[in-house]
Amino acid sequence: MLEYEAFGRKYPIQLKVTSYLNNGNLAIQMYDWIEGYPEPWAMLTVNLWDMCEKDCAYVDTNNNGKKILDWIKTNNLGRVTGRERCSGYCKYPEVHFNEERLRELDPDGYEKYEEQFRQAAA
């Protein structure tokens, strides 16, 4: 579990790693465990039209705010690449996620993502 502070509280957050079906890109869902069971919190990533490099994804700063980038860095989840994509009126920064950290947090999910990514890239 990772700790995420919002709305004056600290939330235990679990990350689930998967991939977007149309392009194999990395998808990460956040689940809140404050009540002792998983409840969907938010998508950490967004699915934009182009295929990203392995372990890279655009982060949903529109719904999570820019502070999510500091949370990613603090938890050793990844680093901002400096690239971004626009969709509508929003700009989404690309993050290169830490493969080892994602494997540690969700080994089964990461394995499935990796397989889907390989198939999409072929």
PDB file of N, CA and C in Angstrom:
ATOM      1  N   MET A   1       0.842  -1.187   0.000  1.00  0.00           N
ATOM      2  CA  MET A   1       0.000   0.000   0.000  1.00  0.00           C
ATOM      3  C   MET A   1       0.883   1.246   0.000  1.00  0.00           C
ATOM      4  N   LEU A   2       0.405   2.231  -0.696  1.00  0.00           N
ATOM      5  CA  LEU A   2       1.051   3.539  -0.716  1.00  0.00           C
ATOM      6  C   LEU A   2       0.123   4.522  -0.022  1.00  0.00           C
ATOM      7  N   GLU A   3       0.688   5.489   0.641  1.00  0.00           N
ATOM      8  CA  GLU A   3      -0.131   6.494   1.320  1.00  0.00           C
ATOM      9  C   GLU A   3      -0.335   7.702   0.407  1.00  0.00           C
ATOM     10  N   TYR A   4      -1.581   8.136   0.299  1.00  0.00           N
ATOM     11  CA  TYR A   4      -1.925   9.305  -0.520  1.00  0.00           C
ATOM     12  C   TYR A   4      -2.746  10.254   0.335  1.00  0.00           C
ATOM     13  N   GLU A   5      -2.309  11.503   0.403  1.00  0.00           N
ATOM     14  CA  GLU A   5      -3.009  12.488   1.214  1.00  0.00           C
ATOM     15  C   GLU A   5      -3.891  13.358   0.334  1.00  0.00           C
ATOM     16  N   ALA A   6      -5.178  13.410   0.700  1.00  0.00           N
ATOM     17  CA  ALA A   6      -6.153  14.227  -0.034  1.00  0.00           C
ATOM     18  C   ALA A   6      -7.337  14.510   0.881  1.00  0.00           C
ATOM     19  N   PHE A   7      -7.948  15.652   0.681  1.00  0.00           N
ATOM     20  CA  PHE A   7      -9.159  16.012   1.423  1.00  0.00           C
ATOM     21  C   PHE A   7      -8.950  15.972   2.940  1.00  0.00           C
ATOM     22  N   GLY A   8      -7.725  16.289   3.386  1.00  0.00           N
ATOM     23  CA  GLY A   8      -7.429  16.320   4.809  1.00  0.00           C
ATOM     24  C   GLY A   8      -7.259  14.960   5.460  1.00  0.00           C
ATOM     25  N   ARG A   9      -7.129  13.899   4.665  1.00  0.00           N
ATOM     26  CA  ARG A   9      -6.965  12.536   5.188  1.00  0.00           C
ATOM     27  C   ARG A   9      -5.829  11.836   4.467  1.00  0.00           C
ATOM     28  N   LYS A  10      -5.379  10.768   5.071  1.00  0.00           N
ATOM     29  CA  LYS A  10      -4.398   9.900   4.430  1.00  0.00           C
ATOM     30  C   LYS A  10      -5.101   8.612   4.034  1.00  0.00           C
ATOM     31  N   TYR A  11      -4.905   8.229   2.784  1.00  0.00           N
ATOM     32  CA  TYR A  11      -5.577   7.053   2.236  1.00  0.00           C
ATOM     33  C   TYR A  11      -4.553   5.977   1.880  1.00  0.00           C
ATOM     34  N   PRO A  12      -4.823   4.720   2.252  1.00  0.00           N
ATOM     35  CA  PRO A  12      -3.982   3.625   1.773  1.00  0.00           C
ATOM     36  C   PRO A  12      -4.413   3.294   0.340  1.00  0.00           C
ATOM     37  N   ILE A  13      -3.467   3.408  -0.570  1.00  0.00           N
ATOM     38  CA  ILE A  13      -3.766   3.222  -1.993  1.00  0.00           C
ATOM     39  C   ILE A  13      -3.016   2.011  -2.533  1.00  0.00           C
ATOM     40  N   GLN A  14      -3.733   1.179  -3.232  1.00  0.00           N
ATOM     41  CA  GLN A  14      -3.161   0.034  -3.932  1.00  0.00           C
ATOM     42  C   GLN A  14      -3.177   0.356  -5.422  1.00  0.00           C
ATOM     43  N   LEU A  15      -2.094   0.020  -6.103  1.00  0.00           N
ATOM     44  CA  LEU A  15      -2.046   0.206  -7.552  1.00  0.00           C
ATOM     45  C   LEU A  15      -2.241  -1.134  -8.240  1.00  0.00           C
ATOM     46  N   LYS A  16      -3.079  -1.124  -9.274  1.00  0.00           N
ATOM     47  CA  LYS A  16      -3.283  -2.302 -10.116  1.00  0.00           C
ATOM     48  C   LYS A  16      -2.774  -1.953 -11.503  1.00  0.00           C
ATOM     49  N   VAL A  17      -1.867  -2.773 -11.996  1.00  0.00           N
ATOM     50  CA  VAL A  17      -1.249  -2.559 -13.291  1.00  0.00           C
ATOM     51  C   VAL A  17      -1.968  -3.407 -14.327  1.00  0.00           C
ATOM     52  N   THR A  18      -2.251  -2.795 -15.456  1.00  0.00           N
ATOM     53  CA  THR A  18      -2.884  -3.499 -16.564  1.00  0.00           C
ATOM     54  C   THR A  18      -2.489  -2.775 -17.848  1.00  0.00           C
ATOM     55  N   SER A  19      -3.210  -3.028 -18.928  1.00  0.00           N
ATOM     56  CA  SER A  19      -2.922  -2.335 -20.181  1.00  0.00           C
ATOM     57  C   SER A  19      -4.229  -1.952 -20.860  1.00  0.00           C
ATOM     58  N   TYR A  20      -4.137  -0.934 -21.689  1.00  0.00           N
ATOM     59  CA  TYR A  20      -5.285  -0.539 -22.489  1.00  0.00           C
ATOM     60  C   TYR A  20      -5.401  -1.506 -23.666  1.00  0.00           C
ATOM     61  N   LEU A  21      -6.599  -1.960 -23.929  1.00  0.00           N
ATOM     62  CA  LEU A  21      -6.813  -3.008 -24.919  1.00  0.00           C
ATOM     63  C   LEU A  21      -6.497  -2.586 -26.345  1.00  0.00           C
ATOM     64  N   ASN A  22      -6.744  -1.327 -26.692  1.00  0.00           N
ATOM     65  CA  ASN A  22      -6.587  -0.933 -28.087  1.00  0.00           C
ATOM     66  C   ASN A  22      -5.140  -0.744 -28.525  1.00  0.00           C
ATOM     67  N   ASN A  23      -4.206  -0.521 -27.573  1.00  0.00           N
ATOM     68  CA  ASN A  23      -2.835  -0.265 -27.989  1.00  0.00           C
ATOM     69  C   ASN A  23      -1.778  -0.905 -27.092  1.00  0.00           C
ATOM     70  N   GLY A  24      -2.175  -1.577 -26.024  1.00  0.00           N
ATOM     71  CA  GLY A  24      -1.222  -2.230 -25.135  1.00  0.00           C
ATOM     72  C   GLY A  24      -0.503  -1.301 -24.177  1.00  0.00           C
ATOM     73  N   ASN A  25      -0.832  -0.012 -24.197  1.00  0.00           N
ATOM     74  CA  ASN A  25      -0.170   0.942 -23.315  1.00  0.00           C
ATOM     75  C   ASN A  25      -0.425   0.619 -21.845  1.00  0.00           C
ATOM     76  N   LEU A  26       0.518   1.035 -21.019  1.00  0.00           N
ATOM     77  CA  LEU A  26       0.434   0.854 -19.582  1.00  0.00           C
ATOM     78  C   LEU A  26      -0.768   1.602 -19.013  1.00  0.00           C
ATOM     79  N   ALA A  27      -1.559   0.901 -18.210  1.00  0.00           N
ATOM     80  CA  ALA A  27      -2.705   1.497 -17.516  1.00  0.00           C
ATOM     81  C   ALA A  27      -2.541   1.183 -16.031  1.00  0.00           C
ATOM     82  N   ILE A  28      -2.750   2.190 -15.186  1.00  0.00           N
ATOM     83  CA  ILE A  28      -2.625   1.993 -13.746  1.00  0.00           C
ATOM     84  C   ILE A  28      -3.866   2.557 -13.061  1.00  0.00           C
ATOM     85  N   GLN A  29      -4.526   1.700 -12.315  1.00  0.00           N
ATOM     86  CA  GLN A  29      -5.729   2.060 -11.558  1.00  0.00           C
ATOM     87  C   GLN A  29      -5.355   2.179 -10.083  1.00  0.00           C
ATOM     88  N   MET A  30      -5.900   3.190  -9.408  1.00  0.00           N
ATOM     89  CA  MET A  30      -5.684   3.392  -7.974  1.00  0.00           C
ATOM     90  C   MET A  30      -6.914   2.906  -7.215  1.00  0.00           C
ATOM     91  N   TYR A  31      -6.679   2.120  -6.157  1.00  0.00           N
ATOM     92  CA  TYR A  31      -7.755   1.634  -5.292  1.00  0.00           C
ATOM     93  C   TYR A  31      -7.504   2.115  -3.867  1.00  0.00           C
ATOM     94  N   ASP A  32      -8.551   2.596  -3.225  1.00  0.00           N
ATOM     95  CA  ASP A  32      -8.517   3.078  -1.849  1.00  0.00           C
ATOM     96  C   ASP A  32      -8.938   1.939  -0.915  1.00  0.00           C
ATOM     97  N   TRP A  33      -8.187   1.735   0.166  1.00  0.00           N
ATOM     98  CA  TRP A  33      -8.469   0.678   1.148  1.00  0.00           C
ATOM     99  C   TRP A  33      -8.861   1.254   2.497  1.00  0.00           C
ATOM    100  N   ILE A  34      -9.343   2.492   2.556  1.00  0.00           N
ATOM    101  CA  ILE A  34      -9.642   3.149   3.839  1.00  0.00           C
ATOM    102  C   ILE A  34     -10.677   2.381   4.669  1.00  0.00           C
ATOM    103  N   GLU A  35     -11.598   1.693   4.011  1.00  0.00           N
ATOM    104  CA  GLU A  35     -12.641   0.935   4.718  1.00  0.00           C
ATOM    105  C   GLU A  35     -12.264  -0.535   4.910  1.00  0.00           C
ATOM    106  N   GLY A  36     -11.041  -0.909   4.503  1.00  0.00           N
ATOM    107  CA  GLY A  36     -10.595  -2.289   4.686  1.00  0.00           C
ATOM    108  C   GLY A  36     -10.834  -3.185   3.488  1.00  0.00           C
ATOM    109  N   TYR A  37     -11.352  -2.643   2.421  1.00  0.00           N
ATOM    110  CA  TYR A  37     -11.553  -3.389   1.177  1.00  0.00           C
ATOM    111  C   TYR A  37     -11.316  -2.419   0.019  1.00  0.00           C
ATOM    112  N   PRO A  38     -10.993  -2.950  -1.170  1.00  0.00           N
ATOM    113  CA  PRO A  38     -10.631  -2.064  -2.281  1.00  0.00           C
ATOM    114  C   PRO A  38     -11.844  -1.375  -2.908  1.00  0.00           C
ATOM    115  N   GLU A  39     -11.727  -0.066  -3.046  1.00  0.00           N
ATOM    116  CA  GLU A  39     -12.722   0.746  -3.755  1.00  0.00           C
ATOM    117  C   GLU A  39     -11.987   1.525  -4.840  1.00  0.00           C
ATOM    118  N   PRO A  40     -12.483   1.546  -6.059  1.00  0.00           N
ATOM    119  CA  PRO A  40     -11.807   2.334  -7.096  1.00  0.00           C
ATOM    120  C   PRO A  40     -11.663   3.793  -6.656  1.00  0.00           C
ATOM    121  N   TRP A  41     -10.463   4.314  -6.772  1.00  0.00           N
ATOM    122  CA  TRP A  41     -10.176   5.708  -6.409  1.00  0.00           C
ATOM    123  C   TRP A  41     -10.127   6.553  -7.675  1.00  0.00           C
ATOM    124  N   ALA A  42      -9.184   6.211  -8.565  1.00  0.00           N
ATOM    125  CA  ALA A  42      -9.012   6.988  -9.804  1.00  0.00           C
ATOM    126  C   ALA A  42      -8.092   6.219 -10.734  1.00  0.00           C
ATOM    127  N   MET A  43      -8.130   6.589 -11.987  1.00  0.00           N
ATOM    128  CA  MET A  43      -7.118   6.111 -12.922  1.00  0.00           C
ATOM    129  C   MET A  43      -5.919   7.038 -12.787  1.00  0.00           C
ATOM    130  N   LEU A  44      -4.757   6.455 -12.633  1.00  0.00           N
ATOM    131  CA  LEU A  44      -3.535   7.239 -12.573  1.00  0.00           C
ATOM    132  C   LEU A  44      -3.116   7.664 -13.976  1.00  0.00           C
ATOM    133  N   THR A  45      -3.438   6.839 -14.955  1.00  0.00           N
ATOM    134  CA  THR A  45      -3.025   7.088 -16.341  1.00  0.00           C
ATOM    135  C   THR A  45      -4.232   7.371 -17.224  1.00  0.00           C
ATOM    136  N   VAL A  46      -3.951   7.919 -18.397  1.00  0.00           N
ATOM    137  CA  VAL A  46      -4.989   8.128 -19.410  1.00  0.00           C
ATOM    138  C   VAL A  46      -4.548   7.440 -20.698  1.00  0.00           C
ATOM    139  N   ASN A  47      -5.512   7.035 -21.485  1.00  0.00           N
ATOM    140  CA  ASN A  47      -5.231   6.364 -22.753  1.00  0.00           C
ATOM    141  C   ASN A  47      -5.377   7.364 -23.890  1.00  0.00           C
ATOM    142  N   LEU A  48      -4.253   7.741 -24.466  1.00  0.00           N
ATOM    143  CA  LEU A  48      -4.272   8.630 -25.621  1.00  0.00           C
ATOM    144  C   LEU A  48      -3.955   7.810 -26.863  1.00  0.00           C
ATOM    145  N   TRP A  49      -4.095   8.397 -28.005  1.00  0.00           N
ATOM    146  CA  TRP A  49      -4.125   7.654 -29.263  1.00  0.00           C
ATOM    147  C   TRP A  49      -2.838   6.951 -29.640  1.00  0.00           C
ATOM    148  N   ASP A  50      -1.667   7.481 -29.312  1.00  0.00           N
ATOM    149  CA  ASP A  50      -0.438   6.873 -29.797  1.00  0.00           C
ATOM    150  C   ASP A  50       0.115   5.850 -28.827  1.00  0.00           C
ATOM    151  N   MET A  51       0.893   4.925 -29.379  1.00  0.00           N
ATOM    152  CA  MET A  51       1.504   3.889 -28.554  1.00  0.00           C
ATOM    153  C   MET A  51       2.728   4.483 -27.867  1.00  0.00           C
ATOM    154  N   CYS A  52       2.831   4.249 -26.587  1.00  0.00           N
ATOM    155  CA  CYS A  52       3.960   4.745 -25.795  1.00  0.00           C
ATOM    156  C   CYS A  52       5.082   3.707 -25.778  1.00  0.00           C
ATOM    157  N   GLU A  53       6.257   4.152 -25.352  1.00  0.00           N
ATOM    158  CA  GLU A  53       7.351   3.228 -25.106  1.00  0.00           C
ATOM    159  C   GLU A  53       6.982   2.359 -23.910  1.00  0.00           C
ATOM    160  N   LYS A  54       7.645   1.213 -23.790  1.00  0.00           N
ATOM    161  CA  LYS A  54       7.396   0.310 -22.662  1.00  0.00           C
ATOM    162  C   LYS A  54       7.598   1.058 -21.347  1.00  0.00           C
ATOM    163  N   ASP A  55       6.702   0.827 -20.420  1.00  0.00           N
ATOM    164  CA  ASP A  55       6.713   1.408 -19.074  1.00  0.00           C
ATOM    165  C   ASP A  55       6.429   2.908 -19.048  1.00  0.00           C
ATOM    166  N   CYS A  56       6.006   3.470 -20.167  1.00  0.00           N
ATOM    167  CA  CYS A  56       5.650   4.888 -20.210  1.00  0.00           C
ATOM    168  C   CYS A  56       4.134   5.025 -20.329  1.00  0.00           C
ATOM    169  N   ALA A  57       3.615   6.088 -19.739  1.00  0.00           N
ATOM    170  CA  ALA A  57       2.176   6.369 -19.823  1.00  0.00           C
ATOM    171  C   ALA A  57       1.958   7.844 -19.533  1.00  0.00           C
ATOM    172  N   TYR A  58       0.839   8.350 -20.032  1.00  0.00           N
ATOM    173  CA  TYR A  58       0.442   9.720 -19.732  1.00  0.00           C
ATOM    174  C   TYR A  58      -0.358   9.712 -18.439  1.00  0.00           C
ATOM    175  N   VAL A  59      -0.027  10.636 -17.552  1.00  0.00           N
ATOM    176  CA  VAL A  59      -0.640  10.688 -16.223  1.00  0.00           C
ATOM    177  C   VAL A  59      -1.827  11.648 -16.249  1.00  0.00           C
ATOM    178  N   ASP A  60      -2.894  11.218 -15.601  1.00  0.00           N
ATOM    179  CA  ASP A  60      -4.137  12.001 -15.564  1.00  0.00           C
ATOM    180  C   ASP A  60      -4.044  13.120 -14.531  1.00  0.00           C
ATOM    181  N   THR A  61      -3.403  14.218 -14.936  1.00  0.00           N
ATOM    182  CA  THR A  61      -3.317  15.397 -14.072  1.00  0.00           C
ATOM    183  C   THR A  61      -4.601  16.208 -14.127  1.00  0.00           C
ATOM    184  N   ASN A  62      -5.459  15.936 -15.083  1.00  0.00           N
ATOM    185  CA  ASN A  62      -6.740  16.621 -15.161  1.00  0.00           C
ATOM    186  C   ASN A  62      -7.622  16.245 -13.967  1.00  0.00           C
ATOM    187  N   ASN A  63      -7.726  14.974 -13.672  1.00  0.00           N
ATOM    188  CA  ASN A  63      -8.569  14.508 -12.562  1.00  0.00           C
ATOM    189  C   ASN A  63      -7.815  14.371 -11.244  1.00  0.00           C
ATOM    190  N   ASN A  64      -6.502  14.162 -11.299  1.00  0.00           N
ATOM    191  CA  ASN A  64      -5.713  13.962 -10.084  1.00  0.00           C
ATOM    192  C   ASN A  64      -4.935  15.199  -9.652  1.00  0.00           C
ATOM    193  N   GLY A  65      -4.874  16.213 -10.496  1.00  0.00           N
ATOM    194  CA  GLY A  65      -4.098  17.407 -10.183  1.00  0.00           C
ATOM    195  C   GLY A  65      -2.618  17.180 -10.432  1.00  0.00           C
ATOM    196  N   LYS A  66      -1.877  18.268 -10.519  1.00  0.00           N
ATOM    197  CA  LYS A  66      -0.433  18.163 -10.771  1.00  0.00           C
ATOM    198  C   LYS A  66       0.325  17.597  -9.584  1.00  0.00           C
ATOM    199  N   LYS A  67      -0.272  17.648  -8.389  1.00  0.00           N
ATOM    200  CA  LYS A  67       0.404  17.107  -7.206  1.00  0.00           C
ATOM    201  C   LYS A  67       0.647  15.602  -7.338  1.00  0.00           C
ATOM    202  N   ILE A  68      -0.084  14.945  -8.210  1.00  0.00           N
ATOM    203  CA  ILE A  68       0.099  13.507  -8.404  1.00  0.00           C
ATOM    204  C   ILE A  68       1.504  13.202  -8.914  1.00  0.00           C
ATOM    205  N   LEU A  69       2.103  14.151  -9.635  1.00  0.00           N
ATOM    206  CA  LEU A  69       3.460  13.947 -10.150  1.00  0.00           C
ATOM    207  C   LEU A  69       4.468  13.887  -8.999  1.00  0.00           C
ATOM    208  N   ASP A  70       4.284  14.716  -7.980  1.00  0.00           N
ATOM    209  CA  ASP A  70       5.149  14.656  -6.796  1.00  0.00           C
ATOM    210  C   ASP A  70       4.958  13.339  -6.060  1.00  0.00           C
ATOM    211  N   TRP A  71       3.713  12.864  -5.981  1.00  0.00           N
ATOM    212  CA  TRP A  71       3.416  11.592  -5.327  1.00  0.00           C
ATOM    213  C   TRP A  71       4.105  10.436  -6.065  1.00  0.00           C
ATOM    214  N   ILE A  72       4.089  10.490  -7.384  1.00  0.00           N
ATOM    215  CA  ILE A  72       4.763   9.463  -8.195  1.00  0.00           C
ATOM    216  C   ILE A  72       6.256   9.455  -7.879  1.00  0.00           C
ATOM    217  N   LYS A  73       6.851  10.631  -7.850  1.00  0.00           N
ATOM    218  CA  LYS A  73       8.287  10.745  -7.564  1.00  0.00           C
ATOM    219  C   LYS A  73       8.603  10.293  -6.147  1.00  0.00           C
ATOM    220  N   THR A  74       7.847  10.760  -5.163  1.00  0.00           N
ATOM    221  CA  THR A  74       8.067  10.423  -3.756  1.00  0.00           C
ATOM    222  C   THR A  74       8.005   8.923  -3.514  1.00  0.00           C
ATOM    223  N   ASN A  75       7.137   8.231  -4.223  1.00  0.00           N
ATOM    224  CA  ASN A  75       6.953   6.788  -4.056  1.00  0.00           C
ATOM    225  C   ASN A  75       7.799   5.953  -5.012  1.00  0.00           C
ATOM    226  N   ASN A  76       8.758   6.612  -5.664  1.00  0.00           N
ATOM    227  CA  ASN A  76       9.688   5.935  -6.580  1.00  0.00           C
ATOM    228  C   ASN A  76       8.949   5.147  -7.666  1.00  0.00           C
ATOM    229  N   LEU A  77       7.840   5.706  -8.128  1.00  0.00           N
ATOM    230  CA  LEU A  77       7.049   5.037  -9.164  1.00  0.00           C
ATOM    231  C   LEU A  77       7.546   5.350 -10.564  1.00  0.00           C
ATOM    232  N   GLY A  78       8.189   6.501 -10.737  1.00  0.00           N
ATOM    233  CA  GLY A  78       8.669   6.860 -12.058  1.00  0.00           C
ATOM    234  C   GLY A  78       9.163   8.288 -12.108  1.00  0.00           C
ATOM    235  N   ARG A  79       9.513   8.707 -13.331  1.00  0.00           N
ATOM    236  CA  ARG A  79       9.996  10.070 -13.543  1.00  0.00           C
ATOM    237  C   ARG A  79       9.315  10.680 -14.758  1.00  0.00           C
ATOM    238  N   VAL A  80       9.088  11.965 -14.696  1.00  0.00           N
ATOM    239  CA  VAL A  80       8.478  12.695 -15.807  1.00  0.00           C
ATOM    240  C   VAL A  80       9.504  12.782 -16.927  1.00  0.00           C
ATOM    241  N   THR A  81       9.084  12.459 -18.161  1.00  0.00           N
ATOM    242  CA  THR A  81      10.013  12.445 -19.299  1.00  0.00           C
ATOM    243  C   THR A  81      10.213  13.820 -19.923  1.00  0.00           C
ATOM    244  N   GLY A  82       9.288  14.734 -19.686  1.00  0.00           N
ATOM    245  CA  GLY A  82       9.354  16.039 -20.348  1.00  0.00           C
ATOM    246  C   GLY A  82       8.449  16.105 -21.560  1.00  0.00           C
ATOM    247  N   ARG A  83       7.961  14.946 -22.017  1.00  0.00           N
ATOM    248  CA  ARG A  83       7.012  14.923 -23.134  1.00  0.00           C
ATOM    249  C   ARG A  83       5.597  15.037 -22.585  1.00  0.00           C
ATOM    250  N   GLU A  84       4.727  15.606 -23.384  1.00  0.00           N
ATOM    251  CA  GLU A  84       3.313  15.681 -22.992  1.00  0.00           C
ATOM    252  C   GLU A  84       2.447  15.651 -24.238  1.00  0.00           C
ATOM    253  N   ARG A  85       1.196  15.281 -24.052  1.00  0.00           N
ATOM    254  CA  ARG A  85       0.210  15.232 -25.129  1.00  0.00           C
ATOM    255  C   ARG A  85      -1.005  16.024 -24.700  1.00  0.00           C
ATOM    256  N   CYS A  86      -1.609  16.662 -25.674  1.00  0.00           N
ATOM    257  CA  CYS A  86      -2.844  17.410 -25.425  1.00  0.00           C
ATOM    258  C   CYS A  86      -4.031  16.568 -25.866  1.00  0.00           C
ATOM    259  N   SER A  87      -5.090  16.675 -25.111  1.00  0.00           N
ATOM    260  CA  SER A  87      -6.366  16.078 -25.483  1.00  0.00           C
ATOM    261  C   SER A  87      -7.432  17.031 -24.973  1.00  0.00           C
ATOM    262  N   GLY A  88      -8.202  17.561 -25.884  1.00  0.00           N
ATOM    263  CA  GLY A  88      -9.157  18.595 -25.502  1.00  0.00           C
ATOM    264  C   GLY A  88      -8.395  19.807 -25.009  1.00  0.00           C
ATOM    265  N   TYR A  89      -8.762  20.292 -23.841  1.00  0.00           N
ATOM    266  CA  TYR A  89      -8.084  21.448 -23.257  1.00  0.00           C
ATOM    267  C   TYR A  89      -7.020  21.047 -22.240  1.00  0.00           C
ATOM    268  N   CYS A  90      -6.732  19.770 -22.134  1.00  0.00           N
ATOM    269  CA  CYS A  90      -5.811  19.280 -21.110  1.00  0.00           C
ATOM    270  C   CYS A  90      -4.481  18.846 -21.713  1.00  0.00           C
ATOM    271  N   LYS A  91      -3.419  19.064 -20.936  1.00  0.00           N
ATOM    272  CA  LYS A  91      -2.089  18.568 -21.280  1.00  0.00           C
ATOM    273  C   LYS A  91      -1.744  17.480 -20.273  1.00  0.00           C
ATOM    274  N   TYR A  92      -1.325  16.336 -20.798  1.00  0.00           N
ATOM    275  CA  TYR A  92      -0.992  15.202 -19.945  1.00  0.00           C
ATOM    276  C   TYR A  92       0.503  14.915 -20.045  1.00  0.00           C
ATOM    277  N   PRO A  93       1.223  14.960 -18.915  1.00  0.00           N
ATOM    278  CA  PRO A  93       2.652  14.668 -18.945  1.00  0.00           C
ATOM    279  C   PRO A  93       2.898  13.159 -19.035  1.00  0.00           C
ATOM    280  N   GLU A  94       3.949  12.813 -19.748  1.00  0.00           N
ATOM    281  CA  GLU A  94       4.341  11.412 -19.843  1.00  0.00           C
ATOM    282  C   GLU A  94       5.293  11.079 -18.688  1.00  0.00           C
ATOM    283  N   VAL A  95       5.091   9.915 -18.104  1.00  0.00           N
ATOM    284  CA  VAL A  95       5.962   9.420 -17.040  1.00  0.00           C
ATOM    285  C   VAL A  95       6.534   8.079 -17.491  1.00  0.00           C
ATOM    286  N   HIS A  96       7.826   7.921 -17.272  1.00  0.00           N
ATOM    287  CA  HIS A  96       8.459   6.617 -17.467  1.00  0.00           C
ATOM    288  C   HIS A  96       8.430   5.940 -16.099  1.00  0.00           C
ATOM    289  N   PHE A  97       7.578   4.931 -15.977  1.00  0.00           N
ATOM    290  CA  PHE A  97       7.378   4.260 -14.700  1.00  0.00           C
ATOM    291  C   PHE A  97       8.510   3.280 -14.415  1.00  0.00           C
ATOM    292  N   ASN A  98       8.773   3.087 -13.142  1.00  0.00           N
ATOM    293  CA  ASN A  98       9.826   2.225 -12.638  1.00  0.00           C
ATOM    294  C   ASN A  98       9.340   0.776 -12.691  1.00  0.00           C
ATOM    295  N   GLU A  99       9.897   0.007 -13.625  1.00  0.00           N
ATOM    296  CA  GLU A  99       9.471  -1.385 -13.815  1.00  0.00           C
ATOM    297  C   GLU A  99       9.590  -2.192 -12.521  1.00  0.00           C
ATOM    298  N   GLU A 100      10.708  -2.071 -11.827  1.00  0.00           N
ATOM    299  CA  GLU A 100      10.909  -2.849 -10.597  1.00  0.00           C
ATOM    300  C   GLU A 100       9.854  -2.514  -9.542  1.00  0.00           C
ATOM    301  N   ARG A 101       9.538  -1.240  -9.430  1.00  0.00           N
ATOM    302  CA  ARG A 101       8.555  -0.810  -8.427  1.00  0.00           C
ATOM    303  C   ARG A 101       7.161  -1.324  -8.784  1.00  0.00           C
ATOM    304  N   LEU A 102       6.797  -1.254 -10.070  1.00  0.00           N
ATOM    305  CA  LEU A 102       5.487  -1.757 -10.493  1.00  0.00           C
ATOM    306  C   LEU A 102       5.400  -3.267 -10.283  1.00  0.00           C
ATOM    307  N   ARG A 103       6.483  -3.976 -10.586  1.00  0.00           N
ATOM    308  CA  ARG A 103       6.512  -5.428 -10.355  1.00  0.00           C
ATOM    309  C   ARG A 103       6.339  -5.747  -8.871  1.00  0.00           C
ATOM    310  N   GLU A 104       6.955  -4.945  -8.029  1.00  0.00           N
ATOM    311  CA  GLU A 104       6.852  -5.141  -6.585  1.00  0.00           C
ATOM    312  C   GLU A 104       5.419  -4.926  -6.101  1.00  0.00           C
ATOM    313  N   LEU A 105       4.754  -3.896  -6.619  1.00  0.00           N
ATOM    314  CA  LEU A 105       3.419  -3.533  -6.162  1.00  0.00           C
ATOM    315  C   LEU A 105       2.318  -4.422  -6.747  1.00  0.00           C
ATOM    316  N   ASP A 106       2.512  -4.910  -7.975  1.00  0.00           N
ATOM    317  CA  ASP A 106       1.506  -5.762  -8.616  1.00  0.00           C
ATOM    318  C   ASP A 106       2.188  -6.707  -9.611  1.00  0.00           C
ATOM    319  N   PRO A 107       2.833  -7.767  -9.096  1.00  0.00           N
ATOM    320  CA  PRO A 107       3.587  -8.659  -9.981  1.00  0.00           C
ATOM    321  C   PRO A 107       2.749  -9.309 -11.074  1.00  0.00           C
ATOM    322  N   ASP A 108       1.566  -9.813 -10.734  1.00  0.00           N
ATOM    323  CA  ASP A 108       0.717 -10.461 -11.742  1.00  0.00           C
ATOM    324  C   ASP A 108       0.234  -9.458 -12.785  1.00  0.00           C
ATOM    325  N   GLY A 109      -0.203  -8.307 -12.332  1.00  0.00           N
ATOM    326  CA  GLY A 109      -0.670  -7.278 -13.252  1.00  0.00           C
ATOM    327  C   GLY A 109       0.425  -6.808 -14.185  1.00  0.00           C
ATOM    328  N   TYR A 110       1.637  -6.662 -13.650  1.00  0.00           N
ATOM    329  CA  TYR A 110       2.741  -6.205 -14.494  1.00  0.00           C
ATOM    330  C   TYR A 110       3.068  -7.244 -15.556  1.00  0.00           C
ATOM    331  N   GLU A 111       3.068  -8.519 -15.187  1.00  0.00           N
ATOM    332  CA  GLU A 111       3.344  -9.584 -16.160  1.00  0.00           C
ATOM    333  C   GLU A 111       2.321  -9.563 -17.299  1.00  0.00           C
ATOM    334  N   LYS A 112       1.057  -9.371 -16.956  1.00  0.00           N
ATOM    335  CA  LYS A 112       0.010  -9.312 -17.981  1.00  0.00           C
ATOM    336  C   LYS A 112       0.184  -8.086 -18.873  1.00  0.00           C
ATOM    337  N   TYR A 113       0.526  -6.938 -18.262  1.00  0.00           N
ATOM    338  CA  TYR A 113       0.794  -5.731 -19.053  1.00  0.00           C
ATOM    339  C   TYR A 113       1.931  -5.988 -20.031  1.00  0.00           C
ATOM    340  N   GLU A 114       3.015  -6.575 -19.538  1.00  0.00           N
ATOM    341  CA  GLU A 114       4.185  -6.805 -20.379  1.00  0.00           C
ATOM    342  C   GLU A 114       3.845  -7.690 -21.576  1.00  0.00           C
ATOM    343  N   GLU A 115       3.050  -8.715 -21.338  1.00  0.00           N
ATOM    344  CA  GLU A 115       2.637  -9.611 -22.429  1.00  0.00           C
ATOM    345  C   GLU A 115       1.763  -8.870 -23.445  1.00  0.00           C
ATOM    346  N   GLN A 116       0.797  -8.098 -22.969  1.00  0.00           N
ATOM    347  CA  GLN A 116      -0.073  -7.318 -23.861  1.00  0.00           C
ATOM    348  C   GLN A 116       0.742  -6.308 -24.662  1.00  0.00           C
ATOM    349  N   PHE A 117       1.720  -5.675 -24.016  1.00  0.00           N
ATOM    350  CA  PHE A 117       2.558  -4.700 -24.706  1.00  0.00           C
ATOM    351  C   PHE A 117       3.351  -5.376 -25.823  1.00  0.00           C
ATOM    352  N   ARG A 118       3.939  -6.547 -25.530  1.00  0.00           N
ATOM    353  CA  ARG A 118       4.702  -7.294 -26.550  1.00  0.00           C
ATOM    354  C   ARG A 118       3.816  -7.637 -27.743  1.00  0.00           C
ATOM    355  N   GLN A 119       2.593  -8.088 -27.472  1.00  0.00           N
ATOM    356  CA  GLN A 119       1.679  -8.451 -28.559  1.00  0.00           C
ATOM    357  C   GLN A 119       1.303  -7.231 -29.391  1.00  0.00           C
ATOM    358  N   ALA A 120       1.033  -6.106 -28.744  1.00  0.00           N
ATOM    359  CA  ALA A 120       0.652  -4.891 -29.454  1.00  0.00           C
ATOM    360  C   ALA A 120       1.799  -4.344 -30.290  1.00  0.00           C
ATOM    361  N   ALA A 121       3.023  -4.487 -29.797  1.00  0.00           N
ATOM    362  CA  ALA A 121       4.191  -3.949 -30.495  1.00  0.00           C
ATOM    363  C   ALA A 121       4.610  -4.822 -31.670  1.00  0.00           C
ATOM    364  N   ALA A 122       4.172  -6.081 -31.681  1.00  0.00           N
ATOM    365  CA  ALA A 122       4.589  -7.017 -32.750  1.00  0.00           C
ATOM    366  C   ALA A 122       3.930  -6.714 -34.077  1.00  0.00           C
TER     367      ALA A 122
END
